[in-house]
Amino acid sequence: MLNCLMYKLCYYRFVETDGKGFDRVRGYEIGKKHFKLTHFEEVFTTHHWMVRIYKLKPQKNRVRGKLKKLKSGARTSPTLVGGRKKNPWQ
């Protein structure tokens, strides 16, 4: 439960409010207190944390337009242009 996305989005920076990480509504201290969000960034949070809005960060590991080389004996298909695949993002 401590690694699920909903937990991380709800309790992100929660320790900064009082330093202990105690959830007054549920009456217990939260389990995992210090973690970073790798795919989301906080855009807006209301004063009492009733509404929190996050933005999805751009993907760093996706290389667009990089093509695999064809084997010498491979057949050509209609999607190939000049021995290379068409780039679907262009």
PDB file of N, CA and C in Angstrom:
ATOM      1  N   MET A   1       0.817  -1.189   0.000  1.00  0.00           N
ATOM      2  CA  MET A   1       0.000   0.000   0.000  1.00  0.00           C
ATOM      3  C   MET A   1       0.864   1.259   0.000  1.00  0.00           C
ATOM      4  N   LEU A   2       2.053   1.200   0.559  1.00  0.00           N
ATOM      5  CA  LEU A   2       2.912   2.382   0.641  1.00  0.00           C
ATOM      6  C   LEU A   2       3.519   2.762  -0.701  1.00  0.00           C
ATOM      7  N   ASN A   3       3.518   1.850  -1.669  1.00  0.00           N
ATOM      8  CA  ASN A   3       4.088   2.145  -2.982  1.00  0.00           C
ATOM      9  C   ASN A   3       3.038   2.483  -4.030  1.00  0.00           C
ATOM     10  N   CYS A   4       1.768   2.545  -3.668  1.00  0.00           N
ATOM     11  CA  CYS A   4       0.744   2.831  -4.671  1.00  0.00           C
ATOM     12  C   CYS A   4       0.711   4.328  -4.986  1.00  0.00           C
ATOM     13  N   LEU A   5       0.274   4.645  -6.183  1.00  0.00           N
ATOM     14  CA  LEU A   5       0.272   6.021  -6.667  1.00  0.00           C
ATOM     15  C   LEU A   5      -0.656   6.911  -5.849  1.00  0.00           C
ATOM     16  N   MET A   6      -1.812   6.415  -5.463  1.00  0.00           N
ATOM     17  CA  MET A   6      -2.772   7.221  -4.704  1.00  0.00           C
ATOM     18  C   MET A   6      -2.195   7.636  -3.353  1.00  0.00           C
ATOM     19  N   TYR A   7      -1.498   6.728  -2.686  1.00  0.00           N
ATOM     20  CA  TYR A   7      -0.866   7.045  -1.408  1.00  0.00           C
ATOM     21  C   TYR A   7       0.182   8.136  -1.593  1.00  0.00           C
ATOM     22  N   LYS A   8       1.007   7.991  -2.633  1.00  0.00           N
ATOM     23  CA  LYS A   8       2.069   8.963  -2.867  1.00  0.00           C
ATOM     24  C   LYS A   8       1.515  10.336  -3.222  1.00  0.00           C
ATOM     25  N   LEU A   9       0.439  10.384  -4.020  1.00  0.00           N
ATOM     26  CA  LEU A   9      -0.139  11.673  -4.382  1.00  0.00           C
ATOM     27  C   LEU A   9      -0.840  12.333  -3.194  1.00  0.00           C
ATOM     28  N   CYS A  10      -1.427  11.547  -2.312  1.00  0.00           N
ATOM     29  CA  CYS A  10      -2.104  12.114  -1.138  1.00  0.00           C
ATOM     30  C   CYS A  10      -1.122  12.611  -0.085  1.00  0.00           C
ATOM     31  N   TYR A  11      -0.075  11.855   0.170  1.00  0.00           N
ATOM     32  CA  TYR A  11       0.837  12.177   1.265  1.00  0.00           C
ATOM     33  C   TYR A  11       2.153  12.814   0.821  1.00  0.00           C
ATOM     34  N   TYR A  12       2.251  13.238  -0.427  1.00  0.00           N
ATOM     35  CA  TYR A  12       3.463  13.912  -0.903  1.00  0.00           C
ATOM     36  C   TYR A  12       3.615  15.240  -0.160  1.00  0.00           C
ATOM     37  N   ARG A  13       4.751  15.497   0.439  1.00  0.00           N
ATOM     38  CA  ARG A  13       5.093  16.681   1.238  1.00  0.00           C
ATOM     39  C   ARG A  13       4.216  16.822   2.485  1.00  0.00           C
ATOM     40  N   PHE A  14       3.628  15.739   2.964  1.00  0.00           N
ATOM     41  CA  PHE A  14       2.746  15.790   4.130  1.00  0.00           C
ATOM     42  C   PHE A  14       3.526  16.049   5.412  1.00  0.00           C
ATOM     43  N   VAL A  15       4.756  15.596   5.480  1.00  0.00           N
ATOM     44  CA  VAL A  15       5.581  15.766   6.680  1.00  0.00           C
ATOM     45  C   VAL A  15       5.918  17.242   6.896  1.00  0.00           C
ATOM     46  N   GLU A  16       5.941  18.031   5.818  1.00  0.00           N
ATOM     47  CA  GLU A  16       6.283  19.445   5.932  1.00  0.00           C
ATOM     48  C   GLU A  16       5.229  20.248   6.694  1.00  0.00           C
ATOM     49  N   THR A  17       4.026  19.725   6.862  1.00  0.00           N
ATOM     50  CA  THR A  17       2.970  20.477   7.543  1.00  0.00           C
ATOM     51  C   THR A  17       3.210  20.566   9.045  1.00  0.00           C
ATOM     52  N   ASP A  18       3.512  19.462   9.698  1.00  0.00           N
ATOM     53  CA  ASP A  18       3.744  19.504  11.148  1.00  0.00           C
ATOM     54  C   ASP A  18       5.052  18.842  11.571  1.00  0.00           C
ATOM     55  N   GLY A  19       5.745  18.213  10.656  1.00  0.00           N
ATOM     56  CA  GLY A  19       7.035  17.606  10.967  1.00  0.00           C
ATOM     57  C   GLY A  19       6.965  16.159  11.415  1.00  0.00           C
ATOM     58  N   LYS A  20       5.804  15.711  11.879  1.00  0.00           N
ATOM     59  CA  LYS A  20       5.681  14.345  12.391  1.00  0.00           C
ATOM     60  C   LYS A  20       5.040  13.397  11.386  1.00  0.00           C
ATOM     61  N   GLY A  21       4.191  13.938  10.530  1.00  0.00           N
ATOM     62  CA  GLY A  21       3.469  13.093   9.592  1.00  0.00           C
ATOM     63  C   GLY A  21       2.289  12.404  10.236  1.00  0.00           C
ATOM     64  N   PHE A  22       1.593  13.083  11.160  1.00  0.00           N
ATOM     65  CA  PHE A  22       0.445  12.505  11.850  1.00  0.00           C
ATOM     66  C   PHE A  22      -0.833  12.916  11.137  1.00  0.00           C
ATOM     67  N   ASP A  23      -1.604  11.939  10.704  1.00  0.00           N
ATOM     68  CA  ASP A  23      -2.879  12.184  10.032  1.00  0.00           C
ATOM     69  C   ASP A  23      -3.961  12.309  11.103  1.00  0.00           C
ATOM     70  N   ARG A  24      -4.458  13.524  11.313  1.00  0.00           N
ATOM     71  CA  ARG A  24      -5.429  13.773  12.386  1.00  0.00           C
ATOM     72  C   ARG A  24      -6.790  13.148  12.098  1.00  0.00           C
ATOM     73  N   VAL A  25      -7.198  13.082  10.847  1.00  0.00           N
ATOM     74  CA  VAL A  25      -8.510  12.526  10.511  1.00  0.00           C
ATOM     75  C   VAL A  25      -8.544  11.030  10.791  1.00  0.00           C
ATOM     76  N   ARG A  26      -7.522  10.323  10.364  1.00  0.00           N
ATOM     77  CA  ARG A  26      -7.482   8.872  10.553  1.00  0.00           C
ATOM     78  C   ARG A  26      -6.907   8.479  11.911  1.00  0.00           C
ATOM     79  N   GLY A  27      -6.212   9.399  12.564  1.00  0.00           N
ATOM     80  CA  GLY A  27      -5.705   9.146  13.906  1.00  0.00           C
ATOM     81  C   GLY A  27      -4.473   8.262  13.958  1.00  0.00           C
ATOM     82  N   TYR A  28      -3.621   8.326  12.955  1.00  0.00           N
ATOM     83  CA  TYR A  28      -2.392   7.541  12.992  1.00  0.00           C
ATOM     84  C   TYR A  28      -1.274   8.274  12.266  1.00  0.00           C
ATOM     85  N   GLU A  29      -0.068   7.844  12.526  1.00  0.00           N
ATOM     86  CA  GLU A  29       1.107   8.403  11.862  1.00  0.00           C
ATOM     87  C   GLU A  29       1.315   7.659  10.545  1.00  0.00           C
ATOM     88  N   ILE A  30       1.560   8.419   9.478  1.00  0.00           N
ATOM     89  CA  ILE A  30       1.690   7.780   8.169  1.00  0.00           C
ATOM     90  C   ILE A  30       2.950   6.923   8.131  1.00  0.00           C
ATOM     91  N   GLY A  31       2.932   5.898   7.274  1.00  0.00           N
ATOM     92  CA  GLY A  31       4.035   4.945   7.220  1.00  0.00           C
ATOM     93  C   GLY A  31       5.281   5.487   6.548  1.00  0.00           C
ATOM     94  N   LYS A  32       5.207   5.710   5.274  1.00  0.00           N
ATOM     95  CA  LYS A  32       6.362   6.187   4.513  1.00  0.00           C
ATOM     96  C   LYS A  32       6.262   7.700   4.417  1.00  0.00           C
ATOM     97  N   LYS A  33       7.260   8.400   4.961  1.00  0.00           N
ATOM     98  CA  LYS A  33       7.156   9.852   5.069  1.00  0.00           C
ATOM     99  C   LYS A  33       7.921  10.609   4.000  1.00  0.00           C
ATOM    100  N   HIS A  34       9.068  10.138   3.625  1.00  0.00           N
ATOM    101  CA  HIS A  34       9.919  10.874   2.683  1.00  0.00           C
ATOM    102  C   HIS A  34      10.046  10.083   1.385  1.00  0.00           C
ATOM    103  N   PHE A  35       9.484  10.607   0.320  1.00  0.00           N
ATOM    104  CA  PHE A  35       9.612   9.993  -0.999  1.00  0.00           C
ATOM    105  C   PHE A  35       9.510  11.085  -2.044  1.00  0.00           C
ATOM    106  N   LYS A  36       9.994  10.767  -3.241  1.00  0.00           N
ATOM    107  CA  LYS A  36       9.954  11.707  -4.357  1.00  0.00           C
ATOM    108  C   LYS A  36       9.006  11.176  -5.419  1.00  0.00           C
ATOM    109  N   LEU A  37       8.375  12.089  -6.125  1.00  0.00           N
ATOM    110  CA  LEU A  37       7.538  11.716  -7.256  1.00  0.00           C
ATOM    111  C   LEU A  37       8.403  11.789  -8.504  1.00  0.00           C
ATOM    112  N   THR A  38       8.472  10.701  -9.246  1.00  0.00           N
ATOM    113  CA  THR A  38       9.341  10.675 -10.424  1.00  0.00           C
ATOM    114  C   THR A  38       8.607  11.047 -11.697  1.00  0.00           C
ATOM    115  N   HIS A  39       7.326  10.753 -11.786  1.00  0.00           N
ATOM    116  CA  HIS A  39       6.581  10.989 -13.023  1.00  0.00           C
ATOM    117  C   HIS A  39       5.579  12.140 -12.930  1.00  0.00           C
ATOM    118  N   PHE A  40       5.376  12.679 -11.737  1.00  0.00           N
ATOM    119  CA  PHE A  40       4.420  13.763 -11.538  1.00  0.00           C
ATOM    120  C   PHE A  40       5.095  14.922 -10.829  1.00  0.00           C
ATOM    121  N   GLU A  41       4.557  16.127 -11.023  1.00  0.00           N
ATOM    122  CA  GLU A  41       5.000  17.272 -10.255  1.00  0.00           C
ATOM    123  C   GLU A  41       3.769  18.009  -9.749  1.00  0.00           C
ATOM    124  N   GLU A  42       3.886  18.542  -8.547  1.00  0.00           N
ATOM    125  CA  GLU A  42       2.769  19.233  -7.926  1.00  0.00           C
ATOM    126  C   GLU A  42       2.603  20.609  -8.565  1.00  0.00           C
ATOM    127  N   VAL A  43       1.396  20.915  -9.009  1.00  0.00           N
ATOM    128  CA  VAL A  43       1.121  22.193  -9.655  1.00  0.00           C
ATOM    129  C   VAL A  43       0.388  23.127  -8.703  1.00  0.00           C
ATOM    130  N   PHE A  44      -0.588  22.602  -7.971  1.00  0.00           N
ATOM    131  CA  PHE A  44      -1.403  23.439  -7.095  1.00  0.00           C
ATOM    132  C   PHE A  44      -1.899  22.619  -5.919  1.00  0.00           C
ATOM    133  N   THR A  45      -1.876  23.234  -4.733  1.00  0.00           N
ATOM    134  CA  THR A  45      -2.449  22.634  -3.536  1.00  0.00           C
ATOM    135  C   THR A  45      -3.142  23.735  -2.749  1.00  0.00           C
ATOM    136  N   THR A  46      -4.382  23.485  -2.322  1.00  0.00           N
ATOM    137  CA  THR A  46      -5.105  24.490  -1.550  1.00  0.00           C
ATOM    138  C   THR A  46      -4.505  24.604  -0.156  1.00  0.00           C
ATOM    139  N   HIS A  47      -4.950  25.616   0.580  1.00  0.00           N
ATOM    140  CA  HIS A  47      -4.393  25.889   1.908  1.00  0.00           C
ATOM    141  C   HIS A  47      -4.577  24.708   2.864  1.00  0.00           C
ATOM    142  N   HIS A  48      -5.726  24.083   2.841  1.00  0.00           N
ATOM    143  CA  HIS A  48      -6.002  22.950   3.735  1.00  0.00           C
ATOM    144  C   HIS A  48      -5.848  21.599   3.043  1.00  0.00           C
ATOM    145  N   TRP A  49      -5.223  21.573   1.894  1.00  0.00           N
ATOM    146  CA  TRP A  49      -4.901  20.360   1.142  1.00  0.00           C
ATOM    147  C   TRP A  49      -6.146  19.574   0.726  1.00  0.00           C
ATOM    148  N   MET A  50      -7.263  20.255   0.531  1.00  0.00           N
ATOM    149  CA  MET A  50      -8.477  19.569   0.082  1.00  0.00           C
ATOM    150  C   MET A  50      -8.415  19.264  -1.411  1.00  0.00           C
ATOM    151  N   VAL A  51      -7.759  20.146  -2.174  1.00  0.00           N
ATOM    152  CA  VAL A  51      -7.606  19.956  -3.613  1.00  0.00           C
ATOM    153  C   VAL A  51      -6.125  19.998  -3.942  1.00  0.00           C
ATOM    154  N   ARG A  52      -5.656  18.979  -4.627  1.00  0.00           N
ATOM    155  CA  ARG A  52      -4.262  18.926  -5.061  1.00  0.00           C
ATOM    156  C   ARG A  52      -4.248  18.562  -6.535  1.00  0.00           C
ATOM    157  N   ILE A  53      -3.492  19.335  -7.319  1.00  0.00           N
ATOM    158  CA  ILE A  53      -3.419  19.109  -8.757  1.00  0.00           C
ATOM    159  C   ILE A  53      -1.977  18.800  -9.118  1.00  0.00           C
ATOM    160  N   TYR A  54      -1.796  17.743  -9.905  1.00  0.00           N
ATOM    161  CA  TYR A  54      -0.473  17.316 -10.342  1.00  0.00           C
ATOM    162  C   TYR A  54      -0.396  17.348 -11.859  1.00  0.00           C
ATOM    163  N   LYS A  55       0.820  17.510 -12.367  1.00  0.00           N
ATOM    164  CA  LYS A  55       1.065  17.506 -13.805  1.00  0.00           C
ATOM    165  C   LYS A  55       2.015  16.359 -14.115  1.00  0.00           C
ATOM    166  N   LEU A  56       1.745  15.672 -15.203  1.00  0.00           N
ATOM    167  CA  LEU A  56       2.600  14.576 -15.640  1.00  0.00           C
ATOM    168  C   LEU A  56       3.866  15.148 -16.265  1.00  0.00           C
ATOM    169  N   LYS A  57       5.021  14.714 -15.779  1.00  0.00           N
ATOM    170  CA  LYS A  57       6.292  15.184 -16.327  1.00  0.00           C
ATOM    171  C   LYS A  57       6.539  14.545 -17.688  1.00  0.00           C
ATOM    172  N   PRO A  58       7.308  15.207 -18.559  1.00  0.00           N
ATOM    173  CA  PRO A  58       7.628  14.584 -19.854  1.00  0.00           C
ATOM    174  C   PRO A  58       8.533  13.374 -19.653  1.00  0.00           C
ATOM    175  N   GLN A  59       8.376  12.382 -20.528  1.00  0.00           N
ATOM    176  CA  GLN A  59       9.175  11.161 -20.412  1.00  0.00           C
ATOM    177  C   GLN A  59      10.581  11.418 -20.916  1.00  0.00           C
ATOM    178  N   LYS A  60      11.567  11.025 -20.112  1.00  0.00           N
ATOM    179  CA  LYS A  60      12.965  11.216 -20.492  1.00  0.00           C
ATOM    180  C   LYS A  60      13.533  10.007 -21.212  1.00  0.00           C
ATOM    181  N   ASN A  61      12.962   8.843 -21.000  1.00  0.00           N
ATOM    182  CA  ASN A  61      13.550   7.626 -21.547  1.00  0.00           C
ATOM    183  C   ASN A  61      13.022   7.272 -22.932  1.00  0.00           C
ATOM    184  N   ARG A  62      12.077   8.006 -23.463  1.00  0.00           N
ATOM    185  CA  ARG A  62      11.528   7.688 -24.782  1.00  0.00           C
ATOM    186  C   ARG A  62      12.272   8.490 -25.846  1.00  0.00           C
ATOM    187  N   VAL A  63      12.857   7.777 -26.798  1.00  0.00           N
ATOM    188  CA  VAL A  63      13.540   8.410 -27.920  1.00  0.00           C
ATOM    189  C   VAL A  63      12.627   8.281 -29.120  1.00  0.00           C
ATOM    190  N   ARG A  64      12.136   9.389 -29.610  1.00  0.00           N
ATOM    191  CA  ARG A  64      11.211   9.353 -30.743  1.00  0.00           C
ATOM    192  C   ARG A  64      11.988   9.409 -32.043  1.00  0.00           C
ATOM    193  N   GLY A  65      11.571   8.602 -32.990  1.00  0.00           N
ATOM    194  CA  GLY A  65      12.165   8.635 -34.314  1.00  0.00           C
ATOM    195  C   GLY A  65      13.391   7.756 -34.486  1.00  0.00           C
ATOM    196  N   LYS A  66      13.825   7.057 -33.448  1.00  0.00           N
ATOM    197  CA  LYS A  66      14.975   6.170 -33.578  1.00  0.00           C
ATOM    198  C   LYS A  66      14.494   4.864 -34.197  1.00  0.00           C
ATOM    199  N   LEU A  67      15.145   4.452 -35.256  1.00  0.00           N
ATOM    200  CA  LEU A  67      14.688   3.292 -36.013  1.00  0.00           C
ATOM    201  C   LEU A  67      15.677   2.147 -35.920  1.00  0.00           C
ATOM    202  N   LYS A  68      15.152   0.932 -36.005  1.00  0.00           N
ATOM    203  CA  LYS A  68      16.004  -0.248 -36.029  1.00  0.00           C
ATOM    204  C   LYS A  68      16.483  -0.483 -37.453  1.00  0.00           C
ATOM    205  N   LYS A  69      17.678  -1.020 -37.581  1.00  0.00           N
ATOM    206  CA  LYS A  69      18.211  -1.339 -38.907  1.00  0.00           C
ATOM    207  C   LYS A  69      17.595  -2.642 -39.392  1.00  0.00           C
ATOM    208  N   LEU A  70      17.353  -2.710 -40.692  1.00  0.00           N
ATOM    209  CA  LEU A  70      16.800  -3.920 -41.293  1.00  0.00           C
ATOM    210  C   LEU A  70      17.898  -4.930 -41.569  1.00  0.00           C
ATOM    211  N   LYS A  71      17.528  -6.197 -41.502  1.00  0.00           N
ATOM    212  CA  LYS A  71      18.469  -7.244 -41.888  1.00  0.00           C
ATOM    213  C   LYS A  71      18.596  -7.239 -43.402  1.00  0.00           C
ATOM    214  N   SER A  72      19.702  -7.720 -43.912  1.00  0.00           N
ATOM    215  CA  SER A  72      19.948  -7.661 -45.358  1.00  0.00           C
ATOM    216  C   SER A  72      18.959  -8.503 -46.156  1.00  0.00           C
ATOM    217  N   GLY A  73      18.454  -9.585 -45.622  1.00  0.00           N
ATOM    218  CA  GLY A  73      17.546 -10.465 -46.346  1.00  0.00           C
ATOM    219  C   GLY A  73      16.083 -10.165 -46.076  1.00  0.00           C
ATOM    220  N   ALA A  74      15.783  -9.085 -45.400  1.00  0.00           N
ATOM    221  CA  ALA A  74      14.398  -8.776 -45.046  1.00  0.00           C
ATOM    222  C   ALA A  74      13.629  -8.244 -46.242  1.00  0.00           C
ATOM    223  N   ARG A  75      12.344  -8.599 -46.303  1.00  0.00           N
ATOM    224  CA  ARG A  75      11.486  -8.097 -47.375  1.00  0.00           C
ATOM    225  C   ARG A  75      11.065  -6.668 -47.055  1.00  0.00           C
ATOM    226  N   THR A  76      10.803  -5.923 -48.088  1.00  0.00           N
ATOM    227  CA  THR A  76      10.329  -4.559 -47.878  1.00  0.00           C
ATOM    228  C   THR A  76       8.815  -4.558 -47.834  1.00  0.00           C
ATOM    229  N   SER A  77       8.257  -3.662 -47.067  1.00  0.00           N
ATOM    230  CA  SER A  77       6.810  -3.538 -46.956  1.00  0.00           C
ATOM    231  C   SER A  77       6.404  -2.125 -47.359  1.00  0.00           C
ATOM    232  N   PRO A  78       5.123  -1.870 -47.552  1.00  0.00           N
ATOM    233  CA  PRO A  78       4.696  -0.532 -47.967  1.00  0.00           C
ATOM    234  C   PRO A  78       5.033   0.559 -46.956  1.00  0.00           C
ATOM    235  N   THR A  79       5.286   0.198 -45.690  1.00  0.00           N
ATOM    236  CA  THR A  79       5.616   1.218 -44.697  1.00  0.00           C
ATOM    237  C   THR A  79       7.082   1.617 -44.754  1.00  0.00           C
ATOM    238  N   LEU A  80       7.875   0.919 -45.565  1.00  0.00           N
ATOM    239  CA  LEU A  80       9.294   1.236 -45.659  1.00  0.00           C
ATOM    240  C   LEU A  80       9.525   2.275 -46.746  1.00  0.00           C
ATOM    241  N   VAL A  81      10.345   3.239 -46.444  1.00  0.00           N
ATOM    242  CA  VAL A  81      10.704   4.274 -47.409  1.00  0.00           C
ATOM    243  C   VAL A  81      12.216   4.319 -47.471  1.00  0.00           C
ATOM    244  N   GLY A  82      12.778   3.989 -48.600  1.00  0.00           N
ATOM    245  CA  GLY A  82      14.232   4.026 -48.752  1.00  0.00           C
ATOM    246  C   GLY A  82      14.959   3.082 -47.814  1.00  0.00           C
ATOM    247  N   GLY A  83      14.367   1.929 -47.494  1.00  0.00           N
ATOM    248  CA  GLY A  83      15.021   0.964 -46.622  1.00  0.00           C
ATOM    249  C   GLY A  83      14.816   1.258 -45.138  1.00  0.00           C
ATOM    250  N   ARG A  84      14.067   2.315 -44.812  1.00  0.00           N
ATOM    251  CA  ARG A  84      13.809   2.669 -43.412  1.00  0.00           C
ATOM    252  C   ARG A  84      12.311   2.737 -43.164  1.00  0.00           C
ATOM    253  N   LYS A  85      11.901   2.484 -41.952  1.00  0.00           N
ATOM    254  CA  LYS A  85      10.488   2.591 -41.602  1.00  0.00           C
ATOM    255  C   LYS A  85      10.073   4.055 -41.570  1.00  0.00           C
ATOM    256  N   LYS A  86       8.815   4.296 -41.894  1.00  0.00           N
ATOM    257  CA  LYS A  86       8.288   5.649 -41.766  1.00  0.00           C
ATOM    258  C   LYS A  86       8.196   5.992 -40.285  1.00  0.00           C
ATOM    259  N   ASN A  87       8.493   7.226 -39.959  1.00  0.00           N
ATOM    260  CA  ASN A  87       8.377   7.673 -38.581  1.00  0.00           C
ATOM    261  C   ASN A  87       6.934   8.099 -38.332  1.00  0.00           C
ATOM    262  N   PRO A  88       6.200   7.430 -37.440  1.00  0.00           N
ATOM    263  CA  PRO A  88       4.789   7.764 -37.224  1.00  0.00           C
ATOM    264  C   PRO A  88       4.585   9.110 -36.543  1.00  0.00           C
ATOM    265  N   TRP A  89       5.615   9.691 -35.949  1.00  0.00           N
ATOM    266  CA  TRP A  89       5.478  10.960 -35.242  1.00  0.00           C
ATOM    267  C   TRP A  89       5.820  12.159 -36.105  1.00  0.00           C
ATOM    268  N   GLN A  90       6.128  11.963 -37.345  1.00  0.00           N
ATOM    269  CA  GLN A  90       6.458  13.094 -38.215  1.00  0.00           C
ATOM    270  C   GLN A  90       5.404  13.296 -39.255  1.00  0.00           C
TER     271      GLN A  90
END
